[in-house]
N, C-alpha and C. Protein backbone atom coordinates (compact mmCIF):
# COMPACT_ATOMS: atom_id res chain seq x y z
N UNK A 1 0.82 -1.19 0.00
CA UNK A 1 0.00 0.00 0.00
C UNK A 1 0.87 1.26 0.00
N UNK A 2 1.91 1.24 0.83
CA UNK A 2 2.79 2.39 0.93
C UNK A 2 3.52 2.62 -0.39
N UNK A 3 3.91 1.53 -1.03
CA UNK A 3 4.62 1.62 -2.31
C UNK A 3 3.71 2.19 -3.41
N UNK A 4 2.46 1.78 -3.43
CA UNK A 4 1.51 2.27 -4.43
C UNK A 4 1.27 3.76 -4.25
N UNK A 5 1.14 4.19 -3.02
CA UNK A 5 0.94 5.61 -2.73
C UNK A 5 2.15 6.42 -3.17
N UNK A 6 3.34 5.90 -2.91
CA UNK A 6 4.57 6.58 -3.32
C UNK A 6 4.63 6.70 -4.84
N UNK A 7 4.29 5.62 -5.55
CA UNK A 7 4.29 5.64 -7.01
C UNK A 7 3.28 6.64 -7.56
N UNK A 8 2.09 6.67 -6.97
CA UNK A 8 1.06 7.61 -7.42
C UNK A 8 1.49 9.05 -7.19
N UNK A 9 2.05 9.33 -6.04
CA UNK A 9 2.52 10.68 -5.75
C UNK A 9 3.66 11.09 -6.68
N UNK A 10 4.56 10.15 -6.96
CA UNK A 10 5.66 10.42 -7.88
C UNK A 10 5.13 10.72 -9.28
N UNK A 11 4.18 9.93 -9.73
CA UNK A 11 3.59 10.14 -11.06
C UNK A 11 2.89 11.49 -11.13
N UNK A 12 2.18 11.86 -10.09
CA UNK A 12 1.50 13.15 -10.06
C UNK A 12 2.50 14.30 -10.11
N UNK A 13 3.60 14.15 -9.39
CA UNK A 13 4.63 15.18 -9.39
C UNK A 13 5.26 15.33 -10.77
N UNK A 14 5.55 14.22 -11.43
CA UNK A 14 6.12 14.26 -12.78
C UNK A 14 5.14 14.93 -13.75
N UNK A 15 3.88 14.56 -13.69
CA UNK A 15 2.86 15.16 -14.57
C UNK A 15 2.74 16.66 -14.33
N UNK A 16 2.78 17.08 -13.09
CA UNK A 16 2.70 18.50 -12.77
C UNK A 16 3.89 19.25 -13.34
N UNK A 17 5.07 18.68 -13.25
CA UNK A 17 6.28 19.33 -13.78
C UNK A 17 6.22 19.42 -15.30
N UNK A 18 5.78 18.34 -15.95
CA UNK A 18 5.68 18.34 -17.41
C UNK A 18 4.66 19.37 -17.87
N UNK A 19 3.52 19.42 -17.21
CA UNK A 19 2.48 20.37 -17.57
C UNK A 19 2.96 21.80 -17.39
N UNK A 20 3.71 22.08 -16.35
CA UNK A 20 4.24 23.43 -16.13
C UNK A 20 5.28 23.79 -17.17
N UNK A 21 6.02 22.83 -17.66
CA UNK A 21 7.08 23.10 -18.63
C UNK A 21 6.55 23.30 -20.04
N UNK A 22 5.42 22.72 -20.39
CA UNK A 22 4.91 22.80 -21.76
C UNK A 22 4.72 24.23 -22.27
N UNK A 23 4.08 25.13 -21.52
CA UNK A 23 3.90 26.48 -22.04
C UNK A 23 5.24 27.20 -22.25
N UNK A 24 6.27 26.80 -21.53
CA UNK A 24 7.56 27.45 -21.65
C UNK A 24 8.32 27.00 -22.89
N UNK A 25 7.92 25.89 -23.51
CA UNK A 25 8.62 25.41 -24.69
C UNK A 25 8.57 26.42 -25.82
N UNK A 26 7.45 27.11 -25.98
CA UNK A 26 7.30 28.08 -27.05
C UNK A 26 7.90 29.44 -26.70
N UNK A 27 8.24 29.64 -25.45
CA UNK A 27 8.76 30.94 -25.03
C UNK A 27 10.14 31.15 -25.59
N UNK A 28 10.36 32.33 -26.15
CA UNK A 28 11.66 32.71 -26.67
C UNK A 28 12.17 33.89 -25.86
N UNK A 29 13.44 33.92 -25.67
CA UNK A 29 14.07 35.03 -24.98
C UNK A 29 14.78 35.87 -26.02
N UNK A 30 14.44 37.14 -26.10
CA UNK A 30 15.07 38.04 -27.06
C UNK A 30 16.30 38.65 -26.42
N UNK A 31 17.37 37.88 -26.39
CA UNK A 31 18.62 38.35 -25.80
C UNK A 31 19.79 37.60 -26.42
N UNK A 32 20.15 37.96 -27.65
CA UNK A 32 21.29 37.27 -28.27
C UNK A 32 22.54 37.43 -27.43
N UNK A 33 23.37 36.42 -27.44
CA UNK A 33 24.62 36.46 -26.67
C UNK A 33 25.46 37.67 -27.05
N UNK A 34 25.32 38.14 -28.28
CA UNK A 34 26.10 39.29 -28.76
C UNK A 34 25.89 40.53 -27.89
N UNK A 35 24.73 40.62 -27.23
CA UNK A 35 24.45 41.80 -26.41
C UNK A 35 25.25 41.83 -25.11
N UNK A 36 25.79 40.69 -24.73
CA UNK A 36 26.57 40.65 -23.49
C UNK A 36 25.67 40.80 -22.28
N UNK A 37 26.21 41.43 -21.24
CA UNK A 37 25.45 41.61 -20.00
C UNK A 37 24.35 42.64 -20.22
N UNK A 38 23.14 42.27 -19.85
CA UNK A 38 21.98 43.13 -20.03
C UNK A 38 21.75 44.01 -18.80
N UNK A 39 21.22 45.21 -19.02
CA UNK A 39 20.89 46.09 -17.90
C UNK A 39 19.48 45.80 -17.37
N UNK A 40 18.66 45.18 -18.19
CA UNK A 40 17.31 44.77 -17.80
C UNK A 40 17.15 43.30 -18.15
N UNK A 41 16.19 42.61 -17.55
CA UNK A 41 15.96 41.20 -17.91
C UNK A 41 15.58 41.10 -19.40
N UNK A 42 15.91 40.00 -20.01
CA UNK A 42 15.59 39.79 -21.41
C UNK A 42 14.07 39.79 -21.61
N UNK A 43 13.65 40.29 -22.76
CA UNK A 43 12.22 40.28 -23.10
C UNK A 43 11.81 38.85 -23.42
N UNK A 44 10.67 38.43 -22.92
CA UNK A 44 10.13 37.11 -23.21
C UNK A 44 9.11 37.27 -24.34
N UNK A 45 9.20 36.41 -25.34
CA UNK A 45 8.38 36.59 -26.53
C UNK A 45 7.95 35.23 -27.06
N UNK A 46 6.66 34.96 -27.01
CA UNK A 46 6.11 33.74 -27.57
C UNK A 46 5.69 34.05 -29.00
N UNK A 47 6.52 33.68 -29.95
CA UNK A 47 6.37 34.02 -31.36
C UNK A 47 4.99 33.65 -31.91
N UNK A 48 4.62 32.38 -31.80
CA UNK A 48 3.36 31.91 -32.38
C UNK A 48 2.14 32.55 -31.72
N UNK A 49 2.18 32.63 -30.40
CA UNK A 49 1.06 33.23 -29.67
C UNK A 49 0.90 34.71 -30.04
N UNK A 50 2.03 35.42 -30.13
CA UNK A 50 2.01 36.83 -30.50
C UNK A 50 1.39 37.02 -31.89
N UNK A 51 1.86 36.24 -32.86
CA UNK A 51 1.39 36.40 -34.24
C UNK A 51 -0.08 36.05 -34.38
N UNK A 52 -0.52 35.03 -33.64
CA UNK A 52 -1.93 34.66 -33.68
C UNK A 52 -2.79 35.78 -33.10
N UNK A 53 -2.39 36.30 -31.95
CA UNK A 53 -3.15 37.36 -31.30
C UNK A 53 -3.15 38.64 -32.13
N UNK A 54 -2.01 38.94 -32.78
CA UNK A 54 -1.88 40.16 -33.58
C UNK A 54 -2.44 40.00 -34.99
N UNK A 55 -2.80 38.77 -35.35
CA UNK A 55 -3.32 38.53 -36.69
C UNK A 55 -2.25 38.66 -37.77
N UNK A 56 -1.02 38.33 -37.44
CA UNK A 56 0.08 38.42 -38.40
C UNK A 56 0.27 37.08 -39.10
N UNK A 57 0.12 37.08 -40.42
CA UNK A 57 0.34 35.86 -41.19
C UNK A 57 1.56 36.01 -42.10
N UNK A 58 1.92 37.25 -42.42
CA UNK A 58 3.03 37.51 -43.32
C UNK A 58 4.30 37.75 -42.51
N UNK A 59 5.26 36.84 -42.64
CA UNK A 59 6.50 36.91 -41.86
C UNK A 59 7.29 38.19 -42.12
N UNK A 60 7.18 38.73 -43.33
CA UNK A 60 7.96 39.91 -43.68
C UNK A 60 7.52 41.16 -42.89
N UNK A 61 6.38 41.07 -42.22
CA UNK A 61 5.95 42.18 -41.37
C UNK A 61 7.00 42.50 -40.32
N UNK A 62 7.70 41.47 -39.86
CA UNK A 62 8.78 41.65 -38.88
C UNK A 62 10.14 41.28 -39.47
N UNK A 63 10.16 40.23 -40.27
CA UNK A 63 11.42 39.72 -40.81
C UNK A 63 11.68 40.34 -42.19
N UNK A 64 12.03 41.62 -42.18
CA UNK A 64 12.25 42.38 -43.41
C UNK A 64 13.70 42.28 -43.88
N UNK A 65 13.88 42.53 -45.14
CA UNK A 65 15.23 42.64 -45.69
C UNK A 65 15.59 44.11 -45.80
N UNK A 66 16.68 44.38 -46.48
CA UNK A 66 17.07 45.77 -46.71
C UNK A 66 18.57 45.94 -46.71
N UNK A 67 18.99 47.16 -47.06
CA UNK A 67 20.41 47.50 -47.01
C UNK A 67 20.55 49.01 -46.98
N UNK A 68 21.72 49.46 -46.61
CA UNK A 68 22.03 50.89 -46.50
C UNK A 68 21.03 51.64 -45.61
N UNK A 69 20.58 50.97 -44.55
CA UNK A 69 19.69 51.63 -43.59
C UNK A 69 18.25 51.72 -44.04
N UNK A 70 17.90 51.11 -45.14
CA UNK A 70 16.53 51.16 -45.66
C UNK A 70 15.91 49.77 -45.58
N UNK A 71 14.70 49.69 -45.02
CA UNK A 71 13.98 48.42 -44.94
C UNK A 71 13.38 48.09 -46.30
N UNK A 72 13.37 46.82 -46.62
CA UNK A 72 12.73 46.33 -47.83
C UNK A 72 11.68 45.32 -47.38
N UNK A 73 10.44 45.76 -47.34
CA UNK A 73 9.34 44.91 -46.86
C UNK A 73 8.93 43.85 -47.88
N UNK A 74 9.58 43.83 -49.04
CA UNK A 74 9.27 42.80 -50.02
C UNK A 74 10.26 41.64 -49.94
N UNK A 75 11.32 41.81 -49.15
CA UNK A 75 12.35 40.78 -49.01
C UNK A 75 12.30 40.19 -47.61
N UNK A 76 11.89 38.93 -47.50
CA UNK A 76 11.77 38.29 -46.20
C UNK A 76 13.11 37.71 -45.74
N UNK A 77 13.38 37.86 -44.45
CA UNK A 77 14.57 37.25 -43.84
C UNK A 77 14.14 36.24 -42.79
N UNK A 78 12.97 35.65 -43.00
CA UNK A 78 12.44 34.65 -42.07
C UNK A 78 13.47 33.57 -41.80
N UNK A 79 13.67 33.24 -40.54
CA UNK A 79 14.63 32.21 -40.16
C UNK A 79 16.03 32.74 -39.93
N UNK A 80 16.26 34.00 -40.24
CA UNK A 80 17.57 34.61 -40.02
C UNK A 80 17.52 35.42 -38.73
N UNK A 81 18.41 35.15 -37.79
CA UNK A 81 18.42 35.94 -36.55
C UNK A 81 18.69 37.42 -36.84
N UNK A 82 18.03 38.29 -36.09
CA UNK A 82 18.22 39.73 -36.26
C UNK A 82 19.70 40.10 -36.17
N UNK A 83 20.42 39.40 -35.30
CA UNK A 83 21.83 39.72 -35.07
C UNK A 83 22.72 39.40 -36.27
N UNK A 84 22.21 38.68 -37.27
CA UNK A 84 22.99 38.44 -38.48
C UNK A 84 23.14 39.71 -39.31
N UNK A 85 22.12 40.57 -39.26
CA UNK A 85 22.16 41.81 -40.04
C UNK A 85 22.43 43.03 -39.15
N UNK A 86 21.87 43.01 -37.95
CA UNK A 86 22.01 44.15 -37.03
C UNK A 86 23.09 43.84 -36.01
N UNK A 87 24.14 44.60 -36.02
CA UNK A 87 25.27 44.40 -35.11
C UNK A 87 25.05 45.22 -33.85
N UNK A 88 25.70 44.81 -32.77
CA UNK A 88 25.56 45.52 -31.49
C UNK A 88 25.96 46.98 -31.67
N UNK A 89 27.06 47.21 -32.34
CA UNK A 89 27.51 48.58 -32.64
C UNK A 89 27.34 48.78 -34.14
N UNK A 90 26.32 49.54 -34.51
CA UNK A 90 26.01 49.74 -35.92
C UNK A 90 27.07 50.59 -36.60
N UNK A 91 27.29 50.30 -37.86
CA UNK A 91 28.23 51.08 -38.66
C UNK A 91 27.47 51.80 -39.76
N UNK A 92 27.86 53.02 -40.04
CA UNK A 92 27.21 53.78 -41.11
C UNK A 92 25.75 54.03 -40.80
N UNK A 93 24.90 53.76 -41.80
CA UNK A 93 23.46 54.00 -41.65
C UNK A 93 22.72 52.81 -41.07
N UNK A 94 23.44 51.75 -40.75
CA UNK A 94 22.80 50.54 -40.21
C UNK A 94 22.19 50.83 -38.84
N UNK A 95 21.22 50.03 -38.48
CA UNK A 95 20.54 50.14 -37.19
C UNK A 95 21.16 49.13 -36.22
N UNK A 96 21.47 49.59 -35.01
CA UNK A 96 22.05 48.68 -34.02
C UNK A 96 21.04 47.61 -33.63
N UNK A 97 21.53 46.52 -33.06
CA UNK A 97 20.68 45.39 -32.70
C UNK A 97 19.61 45.79 -31.68
N UNK A 98 20.00 46.45 -30.63
CA UNK A 98 19.03 46.86 -29.60
C UNK A 98 18.00 47.81 -30.21
N UNK A 99 18.46 48.75 -31.00
CA UNK A 99 17.55 49.72 -31.64
C UNK A 99 16.59 48.99 -32.60
N UNK A 100 17.11 48.00 -33.31
CA UNK A 100 16.28 47.26 -34.26
C UNK A 100 15.13 46.56 -33.52
N UNK A 101 15.45 45.88 -32.42
CA UNK A 101 14.40 45.23 -31.63
C UNK A 101 13.38 46.26 -31.16
N UNK A 102 13.88 47.30 -30.52
CA UNK A 102 12.97 48.30 -29.96
C UNK A 102 12.14 48.99 -31.03
N UNK A 103 12.77 49.39 -32.10
CA UNK A 103 12.05 50.09 -33.17
C UNK A 103 11.00 49.17 -33.81
N UNK A 104 11.38 47.95 -34.09
CA UNK A 104 10.45 47.01 -34.74
C UNK A 104 9.23 46.78 -33.85
N UNK A 105 9.46 46.46 -32.60
CA UNK A 105 8.35 46.11 -31.70
C UNK A 105 7.54 47.33 -31.27
N UNK A 106 8.21 48.32 -30.74
CA UNK A 106 7.51 49.48 -30.18
C UNK A 106 6.78 50.27 -31.27
N UNK A 107 7.42 50.47 -32.42
CA UNK A 107 6.76 51.22 -33.49
C UNK A 107 5.48 50.53 -33.94
N UNK A 108 5.53 49.21 -34.06
CA UNK A 108 4.33 48.46 -34.46
C UNK A 108 3.25 48.58 -33.38
N UNK A 109 3.64 48.43 -32.13
CA UNK A 109 2.67 48.53 -31.04
C UNK A 109 2.03 49.91 -31.00
N UNK A 110 2.82 50.95 -31.25
CA UNK A 110 2.26 52.31 -31.26
C UNK A 110 1.33 52.50 -32.45
N UNK A 111 1.72 52.01 -33.61
CA UNK A 111 0.90 52.14 -34.82
C UNK A 111 -0.44 51.44 -34.64
N UNK A 112 -0.41 50.25 -34.06
CA UNK A 112 -1.64 49.46 -33.86
C UNK A 112 -2.38 49.85 -32.58
N UNK A 113 -1.73 50.69 -31.74
CA UNK A 113 -2.30 51.08 -30.45
C UNK A 113 -2.62 49.85 -29.60
N UNK A 114 -1.75 48.84 -29.70
CA UNK A 114 -1.90 47.60 -28.93
C UNK A 114 -0.52 47.08 -28.58
N UNK A 115 -0.41 46.48 -27.43
CA UNK A 115 0.85 45.87 -27.04
C UNK A 115 1.69 46.78 -26.16
N UNK A 116 2.71 46.21 -25.55
CA UNK A 116 3.55 46.97 -24.63
C UNK A 116 4.44 47.99 -25.35
N UNK A 117 4.61 49.15 -24.70
CA UNK A 117 5.50 50.18 -25.25
C UNK A 117 6.49 50.70 -24.20
N UNK A 118 6.25 50.39 -22.93
CA UNK A 118 7.14 50.83 -21.86
C UNK A 118 8.14 49.72 -21.53
N UNK A 119 9.31 50.11 -21.11
CA UNK A 119 10.41 49.16 -20.85
C UNK A 119 9.98 47.99 -19.99
N UNK A 120 9.38 48.28 -18.83
CA UNK A 120 9.01 47.25 -17.87
C UNK A 120 7.91 46.32 -18.32
N UNK A 121 7.24 46.65 -19.40
CA UNK A 121 6.18 45.78 -19.90
C UNK A 121 6.75 44.57 -20.64
N UNK A 122 7.93 44.70 -21.20
CA UNK A 122 8.60 43.57 -21.88
C UNK A 122 9.73 43.01 -21.05
N UNK A 123 10.46 43.90 -20.41
CA UNK A 123 11.62 43.52 -19.60
C UNK A 123 11.18 43.47 -18.14
N UNK A 124 10.52 42.37 -17.78
CA UNK A 124 9.95 42.24 -16.44
C UNK A 124 10.99 41.72 -15.46
N UNK A 125 11.11 42.42 -14.35
CA UNK A 125 12.05 42.03 -13.30
C UNK A 125 11.48 40.90 -12.48
């Protein structure tokens, strides 16, 4: 009897841990290693949940191409990390990595009048 109870409790504990971990699988942290030590906690971003809620079906809405500091909304960079094009310290007319994240997210949220725009709303302590 004692052994059965122990097994049941162990199984319940494992199921609880698995269930708690599932929502975190989709969670992405927007903090490339290139940024080094952060002054605020990394922004947490659930890509699929965000796009579903925002009604975004076209990847180029966020994953744009471009050169010489000009965005090209007809060229998709889907699957390419932002840090491949945006460097921590921008050169010339390029946009820095931190600025690219902030500009992309905040400008869209302001335009749509939806979503977080203040630092602490994304970078939660």
